[in-house]
Amino acid sequence: MAEKRRKEEEEHLPVLDGKEPPQSLESEQAVLGAMLMERDAIIVATGMLGPNDFYSGQHQELFTAMQAMFREDRPVDIVTLQAWFGPDAPVDSGYLGALLEAAPTAAAVKH
């Protein structure tokens, strides 16, 4: 299923002059992980980025959900994010845990 989703995402990628736009999935993961670690990172990230700044459609969904949860003054962590999506979560809890590991500190969101 993940392979199918990745293939669908690749089919809808924007192309600039015949080239794929620059991307860094590792950087996206670090930002999302920082947002899961600390509420202040959500403020910084949402001030600098929007969902369309993420290459991965799954990351766009996660970013949008974390923004919405923050605006509603809900806690943002692995458990609450999974509950927010319910059975339609774009990723599993194992991937969310990996996001936490991808961000060495919440301050990483600035880089």
PDB file of N, CA and C in Angstrom:
ATOM      1  N   MET A   1       0.823  -1.186   0.000  1.00  0.00           N
ATOM      2  CA  MET A   1       0.000   0.000   0.000  1.00  0.00           C
ATOM      3  C   MET A   1       0.871   1.255   0.000  1.00  0.00           C
ATOM      4  N   ALA A   2       1.929   1.242   0.810  1.00  0.00           N
ATOM      5  CA  ALA A   2       2.826   2.399   0.857  1.00  0.00           C
ATOM      6  C   ALA A   2       3.484   2.616  -0.501  1.00  0.00           C
ATOM      7  N   GLU A   3       3.835   1.519  -1.170  1.00  0.00           N
ATOM      8  CA  GLU A   3       4.461   1.622  -2.487  1.00  0.00           C
ATOM      9  C   GLU A   3       3.494   2.243  -3.493  1.00  0.00           C
ATOM     10  N   LYS A   4       2.232   1.852  -3.418  1.00  0.00           N
ATOM     11  CA  LYS A   4       1.214   2.408  -4.313  1.00  0.00           C
ATOM     12  C   LYS A   4       1.051   3.903  -4.062  1.00  0.00           C
ATOM     13  N   ARG A   5       0.996   4.288  -2.787  1.00  0.00           N
ATOM     14  CA  ARG A   5       0.835   5.706  -2.434  1.00  0.00           C
ATOM     15  C   ARG A   5       2.030   6.516  -2.938  1.00  0.00           C
ATOM     16  N   ARG A   6       3.239   5.979  -2.770  1.00  0.00           N
ATOM     17  CA  ARG A   6       4.438   6.689  -3.225  1.00  0.00           C
ATOM     18  C   ARG A   6       4.392   6.878  -4.741  1.00  0.00           C
ATOM     19  N   LYS A   7       3.977   5.846  -5.469  1.00  0.00           N
ATOM     20  CA  LYS A   7       3.895   5.937  -6.920  1.00  0.00           C
ATOM     21  C   LYS A   7       2.872   6.991  -7.331  1.00  0.00           C
ATOM     22  N   GLU A   8       1.720   7.035  -6.634  1.00  0.00           N
ATOM     23  CA  GLU A   8       0.703   8.043  -6.925  1.00  0.00           C
ATOM     24  C   GLU A   8       1.235   9.439  -6.657  1.00  0.00           C
ATOM     25  N   GLU A   9       1.992   9.607  -5.566  1.00  0.00           N
ATOM     26  CA  GLU A   9       2.576  10.911  -5.246  1.00  0.00           C
ATOM     27  C   GLU A   9       3.541  11.336  -6.343  1.00  0.00           C
ATOM     28  N   GLU A  10       4.361  10.413  -6.819  1.00  0.00           N
ATOM     29  CA  GLU A  10       5.346  10.742  -7.832  1.00  0.00           C
ATOM     30  C   GLU A  10       4.688  11.168  -9.136  1.00  0.00           C
ATOM     31  N   GLU A  11       3.512  10.617  -9.436  1.00  0.00           N
ATOM     32  CA  GLU A  11       2.816  10.971 -10.659  1.00  0.00           C
ATOM     33  C   GLU A  11       2.273  12.392 -10.622  1.00  0.00           C
ATOM     34  N   HIS A  12       2.107  12.960  -9.435  1.00  0.00           N
ATOM     35  CA  HIS A  12       1.515  14.287  -9.293  1.00  0.00           C
ATOM     36  C   HIS A  12       2.528  15.344  -8.865  1.00  0.00           C
ATOM     37  N   LEU A  13       3.789  15.068  -9.075  1.00  0.00           N
ATOM     38  CA  LEU A  13       4.820  16.015  -8.672  1.00  0.00           C
ATOM     39  C   LEU A  13       4.931  17.138  -9.693  1.00  0.00           C
ATOM     40  N   PRO A  14       5.112  18.367  -9.218  1.00  0.00           N
ATOM     41  CA  PRO A  14       5.303  19.467 -10.157  1.00  0.00           C
ATOM     42  C   PRO A  14       6.642  19.330 -10.867  1.00  0.00           C
ATOM     43  N   VAL A  15       6.680  19.762 -12.095  1.00  0.00           N
ATOM     44  CA  VAL A  15       7.907  19.702 -12.872  1.00  0.00           C
ATOM     45  C   VAL A  15       8.250  21.121 -13.313  1.00  0.00           C
ATOM     46  N   LEU A  16       9.487  21.508 -13.100  1.00  0.00           N
ATOM     47  CA  LEU A  16       9.959  22.831 -13.485  1.00  0.00           C
ATOM     48  C   LEU A  16      10.951  22.679 -14.620  1.00  0.00           C
ATOM     49  N   ASP A  17      10.592  23.158 -15.812  1.00  0.00           N
ATOM     50  CA  ASP A  17      11.465  23.056 -16.984  1.00  0.00           C
ATOM     51  C   ASP A  17      11.973  21.631 -17.182  1.00  0.00           C
ATOM     52  N   GLY A  18      11.100  20.665 -17.014  1.00  0.00           N
ATOM     53  CA  GLY A  18      11.466  19.277 -17.217  1.00  0.00           C
ATOM     54  C   GLY A  18      12.220  18.644 -16.070  1.00  0.00           C
ATOM     55  N   LYS A  19      12.403  19.374 -14.973  1.00  0.00           N
ATOM     56  CA  LYS A  19      13.137  18.850 -13.826  1.00  0.00           C
ATOM     57  C   LYS A  19      12.229  18.804 -12.612  1.00  0.00           C
ATOM     58  N   GLU A  20      12.483  17.841 -11.738  1.00  0.00           N
ATOM     59  CA  GLU A  20      11.752  17.785 -10.474  1.00  0.00           C
ATOM     60  C   GLU A  20      12.231  18.920  -9.580  1.00  0.00           C
ATOM     61  N   PRO A  21      11.333  19.490  -8.767  1.00  0.00           N
ATOM     62  CA  PRO A  21      11.768  20.544  -7.848  1.00  0.00           C
ATOM     63  C   PRO A  21      12.705  19.974  -6.788  1.00  0.00           C
ATOM     64  N   PRO A  22      13.561  20.818  -6.217  1.00  0.00           N
ATOM     65  CA  PRO A  22      14.457  20.318  -5.170  1.00  0.00           C
ATOM     66  C   PRO A  22      13.660  19.848  -3.963  1.00  0.00           C
ATOM     67  N   GLN A  23      14.148  18.797  -3.333  1.00  0.00           N
ATOM     68  CA  GLN A  23      13.463  18.292  -2.150  1.00  0.00           C
ATOM     69  C   GLN A  23      14.456  17.587  -1.248  1.00  0.00           C
ATOM     70  N   SER A  24      14.070  17.491   0.009  1.00  0.00           N
ATOM     71  CA  SER A  24      14.852  16.740   0.977  1.00  0.00           C
ATOM     72  C   SER A  24      13.867  16.116   1.948  1.00  0.00           C
ATOM     73  N   LEU A  25      13.584  14.855   1.733  1.00  0.00           N
ATOM     74  CA  LEU A  25      12.648  14.174   2.624  1.00  0.00           C
ATOM     75  C   LEU A  25      13.187  14.138   4.046  1.00  0.00           C
ATOM     76  N   GLU A  26      14.510  14.061   4.179  1.00  0.00           N
ATOM     77  CA  GLU A  26      15.106  14.060   5.516  1.00  0.00           C
ATOM     78  C   GLU A  26      14.838  15.384   6.230  1.00  0.00           C
ATOM     79  N   SER A  27      14.922  16.483   5.498  1.00  0.00           N
ATOM     80  CA  SER A  27      14.630  17.789   6.101  1.00  0.00           C
ATOM     81  C   SER A  27      13.166  17.889   6.497  1.00  0.00           C
ATOM     82  N   GLU A  28      12.292  17.389   5.634  1.00  0.00           N
ATOM     83  CA  GLU A  28      10.864  17.392   5.953  1.00  0.00           C
ATOM     84  C   GLU A  28      10.605  16.586   7.218  1.00  0.00           C
ATOM     85  N   GLN A  29      11.241  15.423   7.310  1.00  0.00           N
ATOM     86  CA  GLN A  29      11.067  14.579   8.490  1.00  0.00           C
ATOM     87  C   GLN A  29      11.569  15.282   9.741  1.00  0.00           C
ATOM     88  N   ALA A  30      12.690  15.988   9.628  1.00  0.00           N
ATOM     89  CA  ALA A  30      13.241  16.696  10.783  1.00  0.00           C
ATOM     90  C   ALA A  30      12.295  17.799  11.257  1.00  0.00           C
ATOM     91  N   VAL A  31      11.694  18.523  10.318  1.00  0.00           N
ATOM     92  CA  VAL A  31      10.744  19.581  10.687  1.00  0.00           C
ATOM     93  C   VAL A  31       9.531  18.981  11.383  1.00  0.00           C
ATOM     94  N   LEU A  32       8.965  17.939  10.791  1.00  0.00           N
ATOM     95  CA  LEU A  32       7.775  17.316  11.389  1.00  0.00           C
ATOM     96  C   LEU A  32       8.102  16.711  12.751  1.00  0.00           C
ATOM     97  N   GLY A  33       9.273  16.098  12.870  1.00  0.00           N
ATOM     98  CA  GLY A  33       9.681  15.539  14.154  1.00  0.00           C
ATOM     99  C   GLY A  33       9.818  16.611  15.216  1.00  0.00           C
ATOM    100  N   ALA A  34      10.403  17.752  14.836  1.00  0.00           N
ATOM    101  CA  ALA A  34      10.536  18.866  15.777  1.00  0.00           C
ATOM    102  C   ALA A  34       9.161  19.362  16.212  1.00  0.00           C
ATOM    103  N   MET A  35       8.223  19.399  15.268  1.00  0.00           N
ATOM    104  CA  MET A  35       6.861  19.844  15.592  1.00  0.00           C
ATOM    105  C   MET A  35       6.188  18.886  16.572  1.00  0.00           C
ATOM    106  N   LEU A  36       6.509  17.603  16.465  1.00  0.00           N
ATOM    107  CA  LEU A  36       5.961  16.622  17.404  1.00  0.00           C
ATOM    108  C   LEU A  36       6.605  16.743  18.782  1.00  0.00           C
ATOM    109  N   MET A  37       7.844  17.228  18.824  1.00  0.00           N
ATOM    110  CA  MET A  37       8.577  17.341  20.088  1.00  0.00           C
ATOM    111  C   MET A  37       8.133  18.513  20.942  1.00  0.00           C
ATOM    112  N   GLU A  38       7.876  19.644  20.290  1.00  0.00           N
ATOM    113  CA  GLU A  38       7.695  20.869  21.061  1.00  0.00           C
ATOM    114  C   GLU A  38       6.736  21.831  20.361  1.00  0.00           C
ATOM    115  N   ARG A  39       5.797  22.368  21.114  1.00  0.00           N
ATOM    116  CA  ARG A  39       4.808  23.297  20.553  1.00  0.00           C
ATOM    117  C   ARG A  39       5.460  24.540  19.947  1.00  0.00           C
ATOM    118  N   ASP A  40       6.541  25.015  20.536  1.00  0.00           N
ATOM    119  CA  ASP A  40       7.212  26.194  19.981  1.00  0.00           C
ATOM    120  C   ASP A  40       7.705  25.936  18.557  1.00  0.00           C
ATOM    121  N   ALA A  41       8.083  24.709  18.271  1.00  0.00           N
ATOM    122  CA  ALA A  41       8.532  24.364  16.923  1.00  0.00           C
ATOM    123  C   ALA A  41       7.384  24.476  15.927  1.00  0.00           C
ATOM    124  N   ILE A  42       6.163  24.229  16.375  1.00  0.00           N
ATOM    125  CA  ILE A  42       4.998  24.379  15.496  1.00  0.00           C
ATOM    126  C   ILE A  42       4.845  25.846  15.114  1.00  0.00           C
ATOM    127  N   ILE A  43       5.017  26.730  16.079  1.00  0.00           N
ATOM    128  CA  ILE A  43       4.908  28.167  15.810  1.00  0.00           C
ATOM    129  C   ILE A  43       5.953  28.591  14.774  1.00  0.00           C
ATOM    130  N   VAL A  44       7.186  28.156  14.982  1.00  0.00           N
ATOM    131  CA  VAL A  44       8.265  28.518  14.062  1.00  0.00           C
ATOM    132  C   VAL A  44       7.999  27.942  12.675  1.00  0.00           C
ATOM    133  N   ALA A  45       7.660  26.664  12.611  1.00  0.00           N
ATOM    134  CA  ALA A  45       7.456  26.003  11.320  1.00  0.00           C
ATOM    135  C   ALA A  45       6.302  26.620  10.542  1.00  0.00           C
ATOM    136  N   THR A  46       5.191  26.878  11.217  1.00  0.00           N
ATOM    137  CA  THR A  46       4.038  27.429  10.500  1.00  0.00           C
ATOM    138  C   THR A  46       4.268  28.882  10.099  1.00  0.00           C
ATOM    139  N   GLY A  47       5.201  29.557  10.765  1.00  0.00           N
ATOM    140  CA  GLY A  47       5.554  30.909  10.359  1.00  0.00           C
ATOM    141  C   GLY A  47       6.457  30.942   9.137  1.00  0.00           C
ATOM    142  N   MET A  48       7.136  29.829   8.880  1.00  0.00           N
ATOM    143  CA  MET A  48       8.097  29.760   7.778  1.00  0.00           C
ATOM    144  C   MET A  48       7.612  28.930   6.596  1.00  0.00           C
ATOM    145  N   LEU A  49       6.738  27.962   6.874  1.00  0.00           N
ATOM    146  CA  LEU A  49       6.361  26.977   5.860  1.00  0.00           C
ATOM    147  C   LEU A  49       4.854  26.839   5.740  1.00  0.00           C
ATOM    148  N   GLY A  50       4.440  26.310   4.617  1.00  0.00           N
ATOM    149  CA  GLY A  50       3.054  25.919   4.411  1.00  0.00           C
ATOM    150  C   GLY A  50       3.036  24.491   3.901  1.00  0.00           C
ATOM    151  N   PRO A  51       1.871  23.871   3.816  1.00  0.00           N
ATOM    152  CA  PRO A  51       1.796  22.481   3.364  1.00  0.00           C
ATOM    153  C   PRO A  51       2.441  22.245   2.001  1.00  0.00           C
ATOM    154  N   ASN A  52       2.329  23.199   1.093  1.00  0.00           N
ATOM    155  CA  ASN A  52       2.881  23.017  -0.250  1.00  0.00           C
ATOM    156  C   ASN A  52       4.400  23.087  -0.300  1.00  0.00           C
ATOM    157  N   ASP A  53       5.022  23.443   0.810  1.00  0.00           N
ATOM    158  CA  ASP A  53       6.480  23.434   0.869  1.00  0.00           C
ATOM    159  C   ASP A  53       7.028  22.026   1.070  1.00  0.00           C
ATOM    160  N   PHE A  54       6.145  21.071   1.334  1.00  0.00           N
ATOM    161  CA  PHE A  54       6.548  19.683   1.533  1.00  0.00           C
ATOM    162  C   PHE A  54       6.375  18.918   0.231  1.00  0.00           C
ATOM    163  N   TYR A  55       7.385  18.162  -0.131  1.00  0.00           N
ATOM    164  CA  TYR A  55       7.396  17.360  -1.348  1.00  0.00           C
ATOM    165  C   TYR A  55       6.473  16.150  -1.204  1.00  0.00           C
ATOM    166  N   SER A  56       6.513  15.526  -0.053  1.00  0.00           N
ATOM    167  CA  SER A  56       5.722  14.323   0.209  1.00  0.00           C
ATOM    168  C   SER A  56       4.278  14.686   0.550  1.00  0.00           C
ATOM    169  N   GLY A  57       3.344  14.062  -0.136  1.00  0.00           N
ATOM    170  CA  GLY A  57       1.929  14.274   0.165  1.00  0.00           C
ATOM    171  C   GLY A  57       1.585  13.865   1.584  1.00  0.00           C
ATOM    172  N   GLN A  58       2.220  12.809   2.071  1.00  0.00           N
ATOM    173  CA  GLN A  58       1.994  12.372   3.449  1.00  0.00           C
ATOM    174  C   GLN A  58       2.472  13.437   4.425  1.00  0.00           C
ATOM    175  N   HIS A  59       3.595  14.029   4.132  1.00  0.00           N
ATOM    176  CA  HIS A  59       4.123  15.077   5.002  1.00  0.00           C
ATOM    177  C   HIS A  59       3.232  16.317   4.953  1.00  0.00           C
ATOM    178  N   GLN A  60       2.676  16.614   3.788  1.00  0.00           N
ATOM    179  CA  GLN A  60       1.733  17.733   3.676  1.00  0.00           C
ATOM    180  C   GLN A  60       0.534  17.505   4.591  1.00  0.00           C
ATOM    181  N   GLU A  61       0.010  16.285   4.567  1.00  0.00           N
ATOM    182  CA  GLU A  61      -1.140  15.950   5.417  1.00  0.00           C
ATOM    183  C   GLU A  61      -0.793  16.069   6.900  1.00  0.00           C
ATOM    184  N   LEU A  62       0.369  15.569   7.276  1.00  0.00           N
ATOM    185  CA  LEU A  62       0.787  15.642   8.680  1.00  0.00           C
ATOM    186  C   LEU A  62       0.962  17.091   9.123  1.00  0.00           C
ATOM    187  N   PHE A  63       1.608  17.891   8.294  1.00  0.00           N
ATOM    188  CA  PHE A  63       1.828  19.298   8.623  1.00  0.00           C
ATOM    189  C   PHE A  63       0.486  20.017   8.795  1.00  0.00           C
ATOM    190  N   THR A  64      -0.424  19.799   7.866  1.00  0.00           N
ATOM    191  CA  THR A  64      -1.741  20.442   7.932  1.00  0.00           C
ATOM    192  C   THR A  64      -2.485  20.033   9.192  1.00  0.00           C
ATOM    193  N   ALA A  65      -2.427  18.759   9.532  1.00  0.00           N
ATOM    194  CA  ALA A  65      -3.111  18.275  10.737  1.00  0.00           C
ATOM    195  C   ALA A  65      -2.504  18.888  11.994  1.00  0.00           C
ATOM    196  N   MET A  66      -1.175  18.940  12.059  1.00  0.00           N
ATOM    197  CA  MET A  66      -0.530  19.522  13.238  1.00  0.00           C
ATOM    198  C   MET A  66      -0.862  21.005  13.370  1.00  0.00           C
ATOM    199  N   GLN A  67      -0.933  21.714  12.246  1.00  0.00           N
ATOM    200  CA  GLN A  67      -1.346  23.123  12.269  1.00  0.00           C
ATOM    201  C   GLN A  67      -2.751  23.249  12.852  1.00  0.00           C
ATOM    202  N   ALA A  68      -3.665  22.428  12.348  1.00  0.00           N
ATOM    203  CA  ALA A  68      -5.061  22.493  12.793  1.00  0.00           C
ATOM    204  C   ALA A  68      -5.182  22.157  14.274  1.00  0.00           C
ATOM    205  N   MET A  69      -4.489  21.126  14.707  1.00  0.00           N
ATOM    206  CA  MET A  69      -4.534  20.741  16.117  1.00  0.00           C
ATOM    207  C   MET A  69      -3.994  21.866  16.995  1.00  0.00           C
ATOM    208  N   PHE A  70      -2.916  22.487  16.557  1.00  0.00           N
ATOM    209  CA  PHE A  70      -2.318  23.585  17.317  1.00  0.00           C
ATOM    210  C   PHE A  70      -3.296  24.756  17.420  1.00  0.00           C
ATOM    211  N   ARG A  71      -3.933  25.097  16.295  1.00  0.00           N
ATOM    212  CA  ARG A  71      -4.901  26.204  16.298  1.00  0.00           C
ATOM    213  C   ARG A  71      -6.065  25.936  17.245  1.00  0.00           C
ATOM    214  N   GLU A  72      -6.436  24.671  17.385  1.00  0.00           N
ATOM    215  CA  GLU A  72      -7.527  24.292  18.289  1.00  0.00           C
ATOM    216  C   GLU A  72      -7.027  24.070  19.717  1.00  0.00           C
ATOM    217  N   ASP A  73      -5.779  24.401  19.971  1.00  0.00           N
ATOM    218  CA  ASP A  73      -5.149  24.267  21.287  1.00  0.00           C
ATOM    219  C   ASP A  73      -5.179  22.827  21.801  1.00  0.00           C
ATOM    220  N   ARG A  74      -5.025  21.885  20.883  1.00  0.00           N
ATOM    221  CA  ARG A  74      -4.945  20.464  21.243  1.00  0.00           C
ATOM    222  C   ARG A  74      -3.475  20.071  21.364  1.00  0.00           C
ATOM    223  N   PRO A  75      -3.186  19.117  22.211  1.00  0.00           N
ATOM    224  CA  PRO A  75      -1.806  18.625  22.266  1.00  0.00           C
ATOM    225  C   PRO A  75      -1.452  17.927  20.948  1.00  0.00           C
ATOM    226  N   VAL A  76      -0.214  18.074  20.539  1.00  0.00           N
ATOM    227  CA  VAL A  76       0.251  17.454  19.302  1.00  0.00           C
ATOM    228  C   VAL A  76       1.359  16.469  19.665  1.00  0.00           C
ATOM    229  N   ASP A  77       1.051  15.191  19.556  1.00  0.00           N
ATOM    230  CA  ASP A  77       2.033  14.131  19.782  1.00  0.00           C
ATOM    231  C   ASP A  77       1.614  12.927  18.944  1.00  0.00           C
ATOM    232  N   ILE A  78       2.348  11.854  19.048  1.00  0.00           N
ATOM    233  CA  ILE A  78       2.064  10.680  18.216  1.00  0.00           C
ATOM    234  C   ILE A  78       0.650  10.160  18.447  1.00  0.00           C
ATOM    235  N   VAL A  79       0.260  10.028  19.690  1.00  0.00           N
ATOM    236  CA  VAL A  79      -1.051   9.459  20.018  1.00  0.00           C
ATOM    237  C   VAL A  79      -2.178  10.361  19.533  1.00  0.00           C
ATOM    238  N   THR A  80      -2.075  11.662  19.818  1.00  0.00           N
ATOM    239  CA  THR A  80      -3.163  12.566  19.434  1.00  0.00           C
ATOM    240  C   THR A  80      -3.225  12.756  17.921  1.00  0.00           C
ATOM    241  N   LEU A  81      -2.082  12.705  17.257  1.00  0.00           N
ATOM    242  CA  LEU A  81      -2.070  12.836  15.799  1.00  0.00           C
ATOM    243  C   LEU A  81      -2.712  11.618  15.142  1.00  0.00           C
ATOM    244  N   GLN A  82      -2.393  10.427  15.639  1.00  0.00           N
ATOM    245  CA  GLN A  82      -3.041   9.209  15.126  1.00  0.00           C
ATOM    246  C   GLN A  82      -4.549   9.273  15.356  1.00  0.00           C
ATOM    247  N   ALA A  83      -4.958   9.734  16.527  1.00  0.00           N
ATOM    248  CA  ALA A  83      -6.388   9.841  16.836  1.00  0.00           C
ATOM    249  C   ALA A  83      -7.063  10.869  15.935  1.00  0.00           C
ATOM    250  N   TRP A  84      -6.373  11.945  15.608  1.00  0.00           N
ATOM    251  CA  TRP A  84      -6.912  12.994  14.739  1.00  0.00           C
ATOM    252  C   TRP A  84      -7.322  12.402  13.386  1.00  0.00           C
ATOM    253  N   PHE A  85      -6.453  11.556  12.840  1.00  0.00           N
ATOM    254  CA  PHE A  85      -6.722  10.951  11.538  1.00  0.00           C
ATOM    255  C   PHE A  85      -7.660   9.753  11.620  1.00  0.00           C
ATOM    256  N   GLY A  86      -7.630   9.036  12.739  1.00  0.00           N
ATOM    257  CA  GLY A  86      -8.408   7.809  12.829  1.00  0.00           C
ATOM    258  C   GLY A  86      -7.846   6.773  11.871  1.00  0.00           C
ATOM    259  N   PRO A  87      -8.720   5.965  11.276  1.00  0.00           N
ATOM    260  CA  PRO A  87      -8.242   4.906  10.385  1.00  0.00           C
ATOM    261  C   PRO A  87      -7.674   5.423   9.059  1.00  0.00           C
ATOM    262  N   ASP A  88      -7.847   6.708   8.782  1.00  0.00           N
ATOM    263  CA  ASP A  88      -7.363   7.276   7.519  1.00  0.00           C
ATOM    264  C   ASP A  88      -5.991   7.933   7.639  1.00  0.00           C
ATOM    265  N   ALA A  89      -5.241   7.580   8.666  1.00  0.00           N
ATOM    266  CA  ALA A  89      -3.927   8.189   8.881  1.00  0.00           C
ATOM    267  C   ALA A  89      -3.022   7.930   7.676  1.00  0.00           C
ATOM    268  N   PRO A  90      -2.304   8.965   7.221  1.00  0.00           N
ATOM    269  CA  PRO A  90      -1.429   8.782   6.066  1.00  0.00           C
ATOM    270  C   PRO A  90      -0.194   7.933   6.368  1.00  0.00           C
ATOM    271  N   VAL A  91       0.145   7.802   7.651  1.00  0.00           N
ATOM    272  CA  VAL A  91       1.287   6.984   8.074  1.00  0.00           C
ATOM    273  C   VAL A  91       0.923   6.268   9.367  1.00  0.00           C
ATOM    274  N   ASP A  92       1.707   5.259   9.726  1.00  0.00           N
ATOM    275  CA  ASP A  92       1.431   4.544  10.974  1.00  0.00           C
ATOM    276  C   ASP A  92       2.240   5.145  12.122  1.00  0.00           C
ATOM    277  N   SER A  93       1.964   4.671  13.320  1.00  0.00           N
ATOM    278  CA  SER A  93       2.629   5.230  14.501  1.00  0.00           C
ATOM    279  C   SER A  93       4.136   4.975  14.473  1.00  0.00           C
ATOM    280  N   GLY A  94       4.563   3.900  13.831  1.00  0.00           N
ATOM    281  CA  GLY A  94       5.995   3.629  13.709  1.00  0.00           C
ATOM    282  C   GLY A  94       6.703   4.718  12.914  1.00  0.00           C
ATOM    283  N   TYR A  95       6.059   5.194  11.865  1.00  0.00           N
ATOM    284  CA  TYR A  95       6.648   6.269  11.065  1.00  0.00           C
ATOM    285  C   TYR A  95       6.695   7.562  11.872  1.00  0.00           C
ATOM    286  N   LEU A  96       5.645   7.824  12.646  1.00  0.00           N
ATOM    287  CA  LEU A  96       5.638   9.022  13.490  1.00  0.00           C
ATOM    288  C   LEU A  96       6.774   8.962  14.509  1.00  0.00           C
ATOM    289  N   GLY A  97       7.026   7.778  15.043  1.00  0.00           N
ATOM    290  CA  GLY A  97       8.153   7.610  15.960  1.00  0.00           C
ATOM    291  C   GLY A  97       9.477   7.888  15.266  1.00  0.00           C
ATOM    292  N   ALA A  98       9.583   7.463  14.014  1.00  0.00           N
ATOM    293  CA  ALA A  98      10.801   7.727  13.245  1.00  0.00           C
ATOM    294  C   ALA A  98      10.986   9.225  13.005  1.00  0.00           C
ATOM    295  N   LEU A  99       9.879   9.961  12.879  1.00  0.00           N
ATOM    296  CA  LEU A  99       9.977  11.412  12.716  1.00  0.00           C
ATOM    297  C   LEU A  99      10.616  12.050  13.946  1.00  0.00           C
ATOM    298  N   LEU A 100      10.246  11.553  15.116  1.00  0.00           N
ATOM    299  CA  LEU A 100      10.845  12.081  16.348  1.00  0.00           C
ATOM    300  C   LEU A 100      12.356  11.866  16.351  1.00  0.00           C
ATOM    301  N   GLU A 101      12.776  10.720  15.851  1.00  0.00           N
ATOM    302  CA  GLU A 101      14.206  10.412  15.804  1.00  0.00           C
ATOM    303  C   GLU A 101      14.929  11.227  14.737  1.00  0.00           C
ATOM    304  N   ALA A 102      14.189  11.689  13.721  1.00  0.00           N
ATOM    305  CA  ALA A 102      14.795  12.447  12.621  1.00  0.00           C
ATOM    306  C   ALA A 102      15.179  13.860  13.028  1.00  0.00           C
ATOM    307  N   ALA A 103      14.563  14.378  14.087  1.00  0.00           N
ATOM    308  CA  ALA A 103      14.861  15.739  14.548  1.00  0.00           C
ATOM    309  C   ALA A 103      15.727  15.654  15.795  1.00  0.00           C
ATOM    310  N   PRO A 104      17.000  16.014  15.694  1.00  0.00           N
ATOM    311  CA  PRO A 104      17.861  15.920  16.869  1.00  0.00           C
ATOM    312  C   PRO A 104      17.376  16.792  18.025  1.00  0.00           C
ATOM    313  N   THR A 105      16.822  17.965  17.697  1.00  0.00           N
ATOM    314  CA  THR A 105      16.227  18.840  18.711  1.00  0.00           C
ATOM    315  C   THR A 105      15.076  19.589  18.062  1.00  0.00           C
ATOM    316  N   ALA A 106      14.208  20.138  18.879  1.00  0.00           N
ATOM    317  CA  ALA A 106      13.097  20.922  18.341  1.00  0.00           C
ATOM    318  C   ALA A 106      13.606  22.158  17.618  1.00  0.00           C
ATOM    319  N   ALA A 107      14.774  22.642  17.977  1.00  0.00           N
ATOM    320  CA  ALA A 107      15.351  23.816  17.318  1.00  0.00           C
ATOM    321  C   ALA A 107      15.719  23.532  15.864  1.00  0.00           C
ATOM    322  N   ALA A 108      15.761  22.261  15.472  1.00  0.00           N
ATOM    323  CA  ALA A 108      16.122  21.887  14.108  1.00  0.00           C
ATOM    324  C   ALA A 108      15.155  22.453  13.080  1.00  0.00           C
ATOM    325  N   VAL A 109      13.958  22.808  13.497  1.00  0.00           N
ATOM    326  CA  VAL A 109      12.966  23.312  12.557  1.00  0.00           C
ATOM    327  C   VAL A 109      13.454  24.586  11.869  1.00  0.00           C
ATOM    328  N   LYS A 110      14.308  25.353  12.514  1.00  0.00           N
ATOM    329  CA  LYS A 110      14.807  26.601  11.927  1.00  0.00           C
ATOM    330  C   LYS A 110      15.803  26.359  10.802  1.00  0.00           C
ATOM    331  N   HIS A 111      16.346  25.162  10.733  1.00  0.00           N
ATOM    332  CA  HIS A 111      17.370  24.875   9.736  1.00  0.00           C
ATOM    333  C   HIS A 111      16.780  24.075   8.615  1.00  0.00           C
TER     334      HIS A 111
END
